[in-house]
Amino acid sequence: MSQKKQVYKITFLNEGKVYEIYAKRVSQGGLFGFVEVEQLLFGQKTSVVVDPSEETLRTAFEGVRRTYIPLHSVIRIDEVEKRGAGKIHDLSDRDGKIHQLPTAIYTPVKKDS
């Protein structure tokens, strides 16, 4: 009996843009405050039609075995049936439905002197 292969769709914010990537492994990872993403999935390079957005992602993640995404940048992580095309969107393309959280989620505690 063959096991079903897991595929995850990770949506996160990076430099004012919304990234959608696909991977085989997602975990909490060893770095505090980061999501560990391994085995990124991209479309076949032999395809006649080339999606420029996915090609940009492929170039950005070329040679990357594992990436760590800050927890506060993650919008959502879904386990999906099959891999789709990776995409990069501008925040303005999302009709104002996505708002970026402040970058620091852990603030230092002020000590009374």
N, C-alpha and C. Protein backbone atom coordinates (compact mmCIF):
# COMPACT_ATOMS: atom_id res chain seq x y z
N MET A 1 0.83 -1.19 0.00
CA MET A 1 0.00 0.00 0.00
C MET A 1 0.88 1.25 0.00
N SER A 2 0.66 2.15 -0.90
CA SER A 2 1.49 3.34 -0.97
C SER A 2 0.98 4.41 -0.01
N GLN A 3 1.94 5.12 0.60
CA GLN A 3 1.57 6.20 1.50
C GLN A 3 1.29 7.46 0.69
N LYS A 4 0.32 8.23 1.18
CA LYS A 4 0.00 9.51 0.54
C LYS A 4 1.12 10.50 0.87
N LYS A 5 1.65 11.16 -0.15
CA LYS A 5 2.71 12.14 0.06
C LYS A 5 2.10 13.46 0.46
N GLN A 6 2.64 14.04 1.52
CA GLN A 6 2.13 15.31 2.02
C GLN A 6 2.72 16.47 1.23
N VAL A 7 1.88 17.43 0.93
CA VAL A 7 2.30 18.67 0.27
C VAL A 7 1.68 19.82 1.07
N TYR A 8 2.51 20.81 1.38
CA TYR A 8 2.06 21.96 2.14
C TYR A 8 2.16 23.23 1.30
N LYS A 9 1.15 24.07 1.43
CA LYS A 9 1.16 25.40 0.82
C LYS A 9 1.41 26.39 1.94
N ILE A 10 2.49 27.15 1.84
CA ILE A 10 2.87 28.11 2.85
C ILE A 10 2.69 29.51 2.27
N THR A 11 1.89 30.33 2.94
CA THR A 11 1.66 31.70 2.51
C THR A 11 2.25 32.62 3.57
N PHE A 12 3.14 33.52 3.13
CA PHE A 12 3.80 34.40 4.09
C PHE A 12 4.14 35.74 3.45
N LEU A 13 4.41 36.72 4.31
CA LEU A 13 4.79 38.06 3.86
C LEU A 13 6.31 38.18 3.83
N ASN A 14 6.82 38.82 2.78
CA ASN A 14 8.25 39.07 2.67
C ASN A 14 8.45 40.34 1.87
N GLU A 15 9.08 41.34 2.48
CA GLU A 15 9.38 42.61 1.84
C GLU A 15 8.17 43.24 1.16
N GLY A 16 7.03 43.25 1.84
CA GLY A 16 5.82 43.88 1.33
C GLY A 16 5.07 43.10 0.28
N LYS A 17 5.45 41.85 0.07
CA LYS A 17 4.76 41.01 -0.91
C LYS A 17 4.30 39.72 -0.24
N VAL A 18 3.25 39.12 -0.81
CA VAL A 18 2.72 37.86 -0.30
C VAL A 18 3.28 36.73 -1.16
N TYR A 19 3.98 35.81 -0.53
CA TYR A 19 4.58 34.65 -1.22
C TYR A 19 3.73 33.42 -0.94
N GLU A 20 3.52 32.60 -1.97
CA GLU A 20 2.88 31.30 -1.83
C GLU A 20 3.85 30.27 -2.37
N ILE A 21 4.34 29.40 -1.49
CA ILE A 21 5.27 28.36 -1.90
C ILE A 21 4.73 27.00 -1.48
N TYR A 22 5.26 25.95 -2.10
CA TYR A 22 4.86 24.58 -1.79
C TYR A 22 6.09 23.81 -1.33
N ALA A 23 5.88 22.92 -0.35
CA ALA A 23 6.99 22.14 0.19
C ALA A 23 6.48 20.79 0.70
N LYS A 24 7.42 19.86 0.85
CA LYS A 24 7.08 18.54 1.36
C LYS A 24 7.14 18.47 2.89
N ARG A 25 7.95 19.35 3.51
CA ARG A 25 8.09 19.30 4.96
C ARG A 25 8.01 20.69 5.57
N VAL A 26 7.23 20.80 6.63
CA VAL A 26 7.10 22.04 7.41
C VAL A 26 7.12 21.63 8.87
N SER A 27 7.92 22.36 9.67
CA SER A 27 7.98 22.04 11.10
C SER A 27 8.29 23.30 11.90
N GLN A 28 8.21 23.15 13.21
CA GLN A 28 8.50 24.26 14.11
C GLN A 28 9.98 24.61 14.04
N GLY A 29 10.82 23.64 13.82
CA GLY A 29 12.25 23.89 13.66
C GLY A 29 12.96 24.17 14.96
N GLY A 30 14.27 24.33 14.85
CA GLY A 30 15.11 24.53 16.02
C GLY A 30 15.35 25.98 16.38
N LEU A 31 14.97 26.92 15.51
CA LEU A 31 15.15 28.34 15.80
C LEU A 31 13.87 28.91 16.37
N PHE A 32 13.96 29.50 17.53
CA PHE A 32 12.80 30.06 18.20
C PHE A 32 12.17 31.16 17.36
N GLY A 33 10.86 31.06 17.13
CA GLY A 33 10.14 32.09 16.40
C GLY A 33 10.17 31.94 14.89
N PHE A 34 10.63 30.78 14.39
CA PHE A 34 10.70 30.54 12.95
C PHE A 34 10.01 29.24 12.58
N VAL A 35 9.45 29.19 11.37
CA VAL A 35 8.89 27.97 10.80
C VAL A 35 9.92 27.44 9.82
N GLU A 36 10.25 26.17 9.95
CA GLU A 36 11.25 25.54 9.09
C GLU A 36 10.55 24.89 7.90
N VAL A 37 10.98 25.22 6.69
CA VAL A 37 10.37 24.69 5.46
C VAL A 37 11.47 23.99 4.67
N GLU A 38 11.23 22.71 4.31
CA GLU A 38 12.22 21.92 3.57
C GLU A 38 11.59 21.33 2.32
N GLN A 39 12.44 20.96 1.39
CA GLN A 39 12.06 20.30 0.15
C GLN A 39 11.00 21.10 -0.61
N LEU A 40 11.41 22.29 -1.03
CA LEU A 40 10.52 23.17 -1.79
C LEU A 40 10.16 22.52 -3.13
N LEU A 41 8.93 22.74 -3.57
CA LEU A 41 8.44 22.15 -4.82
C LEU A 41 8.16 23.25 -5.84
N PHE A 42 8.65 23.05 -7.03
CA PHE A 42 8.41 23.97 -8.14
C PHE A 42 7.97 23.15 -9.35
N GLY A 43 7.41 23.84 -10.35
CA GLY A 43 6.98 23.17 -11.58
C GLY A 43 8.16 22.64 -12.37
N GLN A 44 7.87 21.86 -13.37
CA GLN A 44 8.91 21.29 -14.22
C GLN A 44 9.56 22.38 -15.06
N LYS A 45 10.87 22.35 -15.17
CA LYS A 45 11.60 23.31 -16.00
C LYS A 45 11.40 23.04 -17.49
N THR A 46 10.96 21.84 -17.84
CA THR A 46 10.81 21.47 -19.24
C THR A 46 9.51 21.98 -19.85
N SER A 47 8.67 22.62 -19.04
CA SER A 47 7.39 23.12 -19.52
C SER A 47 7.59 24.19 -20.59
N VAL A 48 6.74 24.17 -21.60
CA VAL A 48 6.82 25.15 -22.68
C VAL A 48 6.37 26.52 -22.18
N VAL A 49 5.31 26.55 -21.37
CA VAL A 49 4.80 27.80 -20.81
C VAL A 49 5.50 28.04 -19.48
N VAL A 50 6.13 29.20 -19.35
CA VAL A 50 6.86 29.54 -18.13
C VAL A 50 6.09 30.62 -17.38
N ASP A 51 5.75 30.34 -16.12
CA ASP A 51 5.08 31.31 -15.27
C ASP A 51 6.16 32.21 -14.67
N PRO A 52 6.17 33.52 -15.00
CA PRO A 52 7.23 34.40 -14.50
C PRO A 52 7.29 34.51 -12.98
N SER A 53 6.13 34.43 -12.32
CA SER A 53 6.10 34.51 -10.86
C SER A 53 6.78 33.30 -10.25
N GLU A 54 6.47 32.11 -10.77
CA GLU A 54 7.10 30.90 -10.23
C GLU A 54 8.58 30.85 -10.59
N GLU A 55 8.93 31.37 -11.74
CA GLU A 55 10.34 31.42 -12.14
C GLU A 55 11.13 32.33 -11.21
N THR A 56 10.52 33.44 -10.78
CA THR A 56 11.14 34.34 -9.82
C THR A 56 11.36 33.62 -8.48
N LEU A 57 10.35 32.85 -8.04
CA LEU A 57 10.49 32.08 -6.81
C LEU A 57 11.60 31.04 -6.94
N ARG A 58 11.63 30.35 -8.07
CA ARG A 58 12.65 29.32 -8.30
C ARG A 58 14.05 29.93 -8.21
N THR A 59 14.21 31.10 -8.81
CA THR A 59 15.50 31.77 -8.78
C THR A 59 15.86 32.22 -7.36
N ALA A 60 14.87 32.76 -6.65
CA ALA A 60 15.10 33.25 -5.28
C ALA A 60 15.50 32.12 -4.34
N PHE A 61 14.95 30.92 -4.55
CA PHE A 61 15.21 29.80 -3.66
C PHE A 61 16.16 28.76 -4.27
N GLU A 62 16.85 29.13 -5.35
CA GLU A 62 17.77 28.20 -5.99
C GLU A 62 18.89 27.81 -5.03
N GLY A 63 19.12 26.53 -4.89
CA GLY A 63 20.17 26.04 -4.01
C GLY A 63 19.79 25.99 -2.54
N VAL A 64 18.57 26.35 -2.19
CA VAL A 64 18.13 26.36 -0.78
C VAL A 64 17.59 24.98 -0.42
N ARG A 65 18.20 24.34 0.56
CA ARG A 65 17.71 23.05 1.04
C ARG A 65 16.62 23.23 2.11
N ARG A 66 16.78 24.28 2.90
CA ARG A 66 15.87 24.53 4.01
C ARG A 66 15.81 26.03 4.22
N THR A 67 14.60 26.55 4.47
CA THR A 67 14.47 27.98 4.75
C THR A 67 13.70 28.16 6.05
N TYR A 68 13.99 29.24 6.74
CA TYR A 68 13.32 29.56 7.99
C TYR A 68 12.54 30.85 7.78
N ILE A 69 11.24 30.78 8.03
CA ILE A 69 10.36 31.93 7.85
C ILE A 69 9.95 32.44 9.22
N PRO A 70 10.11 33.74 9.49
CA PRO A 70 9.71 34.27 10.79
C PRO A 70 8.22 33.98 11.06
N LEU A 71 7.94 33.53 12.26
CA LEU A 71 6.58 33.14 12.63
C LEU A 71 5.58 34.26 12.40
N HIS A 72 5.95 35.50 12.69
CA HIS A 72 5.02 36.61 12.54
C HIS A 72 4.78 36.98 11.07
N SER A 73 5.54 36.40 10.14
CA SER A 73 5.33 36.65 8.71
C SER A 73 4.39 35.64 8.06
N VAL A 74 4.16 34.52 8.76
CA VAL A 74 3.33 33.46 8.19
C VAL A 74 1.85 33.86 8.25
N ILE A 75 1.19 33.77 7.10
CA ILE A 75 -0.24 34.04 7.04
C ILE A 75 -1.01 32.76 7.30
N ARG A 76 -0.61 31.69 6.61
CA ARG A 76 -1.24 30.38 6.85
C ARG A 76 -0.41 29.28 6.23
N ILE A 77 -0.63 28.06 6.74
CA ILE A 77 0.00 26.85 6.21
C ILE A 77 -1.10 25.84 6.02
N ASP A 78 -1.24 25.33 4.79
CA ASP A 78 -2.29 24.37 4.46
C ASP A 78 -1.66 23.07 3.95
N GLU A 79 -2.21 21.93 4.36
CA GLU A 79 -1.85 20.67 3.72
C GLU A 79 -2.82 20.51 2.56
N VAL A 80 -2.29 20.36 1.35
CA VAL A 80 -3.12 20.34 0.15
C VAL A 80 -3.00 19.00 -0.56
N GLU A 81 -3.96 18.74 -1.46
CA GLU A 81 -3.98 17.50 -2.23
C GLU A 81 -2.80 17.40 -3.19
N LYS A 82 -2.52 18.50 -3.90
CA LYS A 82 -1.42 18.48 -4.86
C LYS A 82 -0.79 19.86 -4.95
N ARG A 83 0.39 19.91 -5.50
CA ARG A 83 1.14 21.14 -5.63
C ARG A 83 0.51 22.03 -6.68
N GLY A 84 0.43 23.30 -6.37
CA GLY A 84 -0.02 24.29 -7.34
C GLY A 84 1.17 25.11 -7.79
N ALA A 85 0.91 26.18 -8.46
CA ALA A 85 1.98 27.07 -8.91
C ALA A 85 2.32 28.06 -7.81
N GLY A 86 3.60 28.20 -7.51
CA GLY A 86 4.04 29.19 -6.54
C GLY A 86 3.80 30.58 -7.10
N LYS A 87 3.52 31.53 -6.22
CA LYS A 87 3.17 32.87 -6.67
C LYS A 87 3.75 33.93 -5.74
N ILE A 88 3.88 35.13 -6.29
CA ILE A 88 4.22 36.31 -5.50
C ILE A 88 3.18 37.36 -5.85
N HIS A 89 2.51 37.92 -4.82
CA HIS A 89 1.49 38.95 -5.01
C HIS A 89 1.92 40.21 -4.28
N ASP A 90 1.48 41.35 -4.78
CA ASP A 90 1.61 42.58 -4.02
C ASP A 90 0.50 42.59 -2.97
N LEU A 91 0.75 43.23 -1.85
CA LEU A 91 -0.29 43.33 -0.81
C LEU A 91 -1.53 44.01 -1.35
N SER A 92 -1.36 44.96 -2.26
CA SER A 92 -2.50 45.69 -2.81
C SER A 92 -3.38 44.80 -3.70
N ASP A 93 -2.84 43.68 -4.20
CA ASP A 93 -3.60 42.77 -5.04
C ASP A 93 -4.62 41.95 -4.25
N ARG A 94 -4.56 42.00 -2.94
CA ARG A 94 -5.40 41.15 -2.09
C ARG A 94 -6.62 41.88 -1.54
N ASP A 95 -7.00 43.00 -2.12
CA ASP A 95 -8.20 43.75 -1.73
C ASP A 95 -8.22 44.13 -0.26
N GLY A 96 -7.06 44.39 0.31
CA GLY A 96 -6.99 44.82 1.71
C GLY A 96 -7.35 43.74 2.71
N LYS A 97 -7.33 42.48 2.31
CA LYS A 97 -7.71 41.39 3.21
C LYS A 97 -6.55 40.89 4.06
N ILE A 98 -5.33 41.31 3.75
CA ILE A 98 -4.17 40.88 4.50
C ILE A 98 -3.49 42.11 5.08
N HIS A 99 -3.23 42.06 6.38
CA HIS A 99 -2.56 43.15 7.05
C HIS A 99 -1.31 42.59 7.72
N GLN A 100 -0.20 43.28 7.54
CA GLN A 100 1.04 42.84 8.14
C GLN A 100 1.08 43.22 9.61
N LEU A 101 1.46 42.26 10.44
CA LEU A 101 1.60 42.51 11.87
C LEU A 101 2.89 43.30 12.10
N PRO A 102 2.97 43.97 13.22
CA PRO A 102 4.24 44.62 13.55
C PRO A 102 5.36 43.57 13.56
N THR A 103 6.57 43.98 13.21
CA THR A 103 7.64 43.00 13.06
C THR A 103 8.11 42.40 14.38
N ALA A 104 8.03 43.13 15.47
CA ALA A 104 8.49 42.58 16.75
C ALA A 104 7.29 42.08 17.56
N ILE A 105 7.20 40.77 17.74
CA ILE A 105 6.10 40.23 18.54
C ILE A 105 6.53 40.01 19.98
N TYR A 106 7.83 40.00 20.22
CA TYR A 106 8.35 39.85 21.58
C TYR A 106 9.04 41.14 21.96
N THR A 107 8.43 41.87 22.87
CA THR A 107 9.02 43.15 23.27
C THR A 107 9.73 42.97 24.59
N PRO A 108 10.84 43.65 24.77
CA PRO A 108 11.59 43.53 26.03
C PRO A 108 10.79 44.13 27.19
N VAL A 109 10.94 43.52 28.33
CA VAL A 109 10.25 43.99 29.54
C VAL A 109 11.12 45.06 30.18
N LYS A 110 10.51 46.21 30.46
CA LYS A 110 11.26 47.30 31.11
C LYS A 110 11.39 46.98 32.60
N LYS A 111 12.61 47.10 33.08
CA LYS A 111 12.87 46.87 34.49
C LYS A 111 12.86 48.20 35.21
N ASP A 112 12.21 48.21 36.39
CA ASP A 112 12.19 49.42 37.20
C ASP A 112 13.55 49.62 37.84
N SER A 113 14.05 50.81 37.77
CA SER A 113 15.39 51.10 38.34
C SER A 113 15.29 51.47 39.79
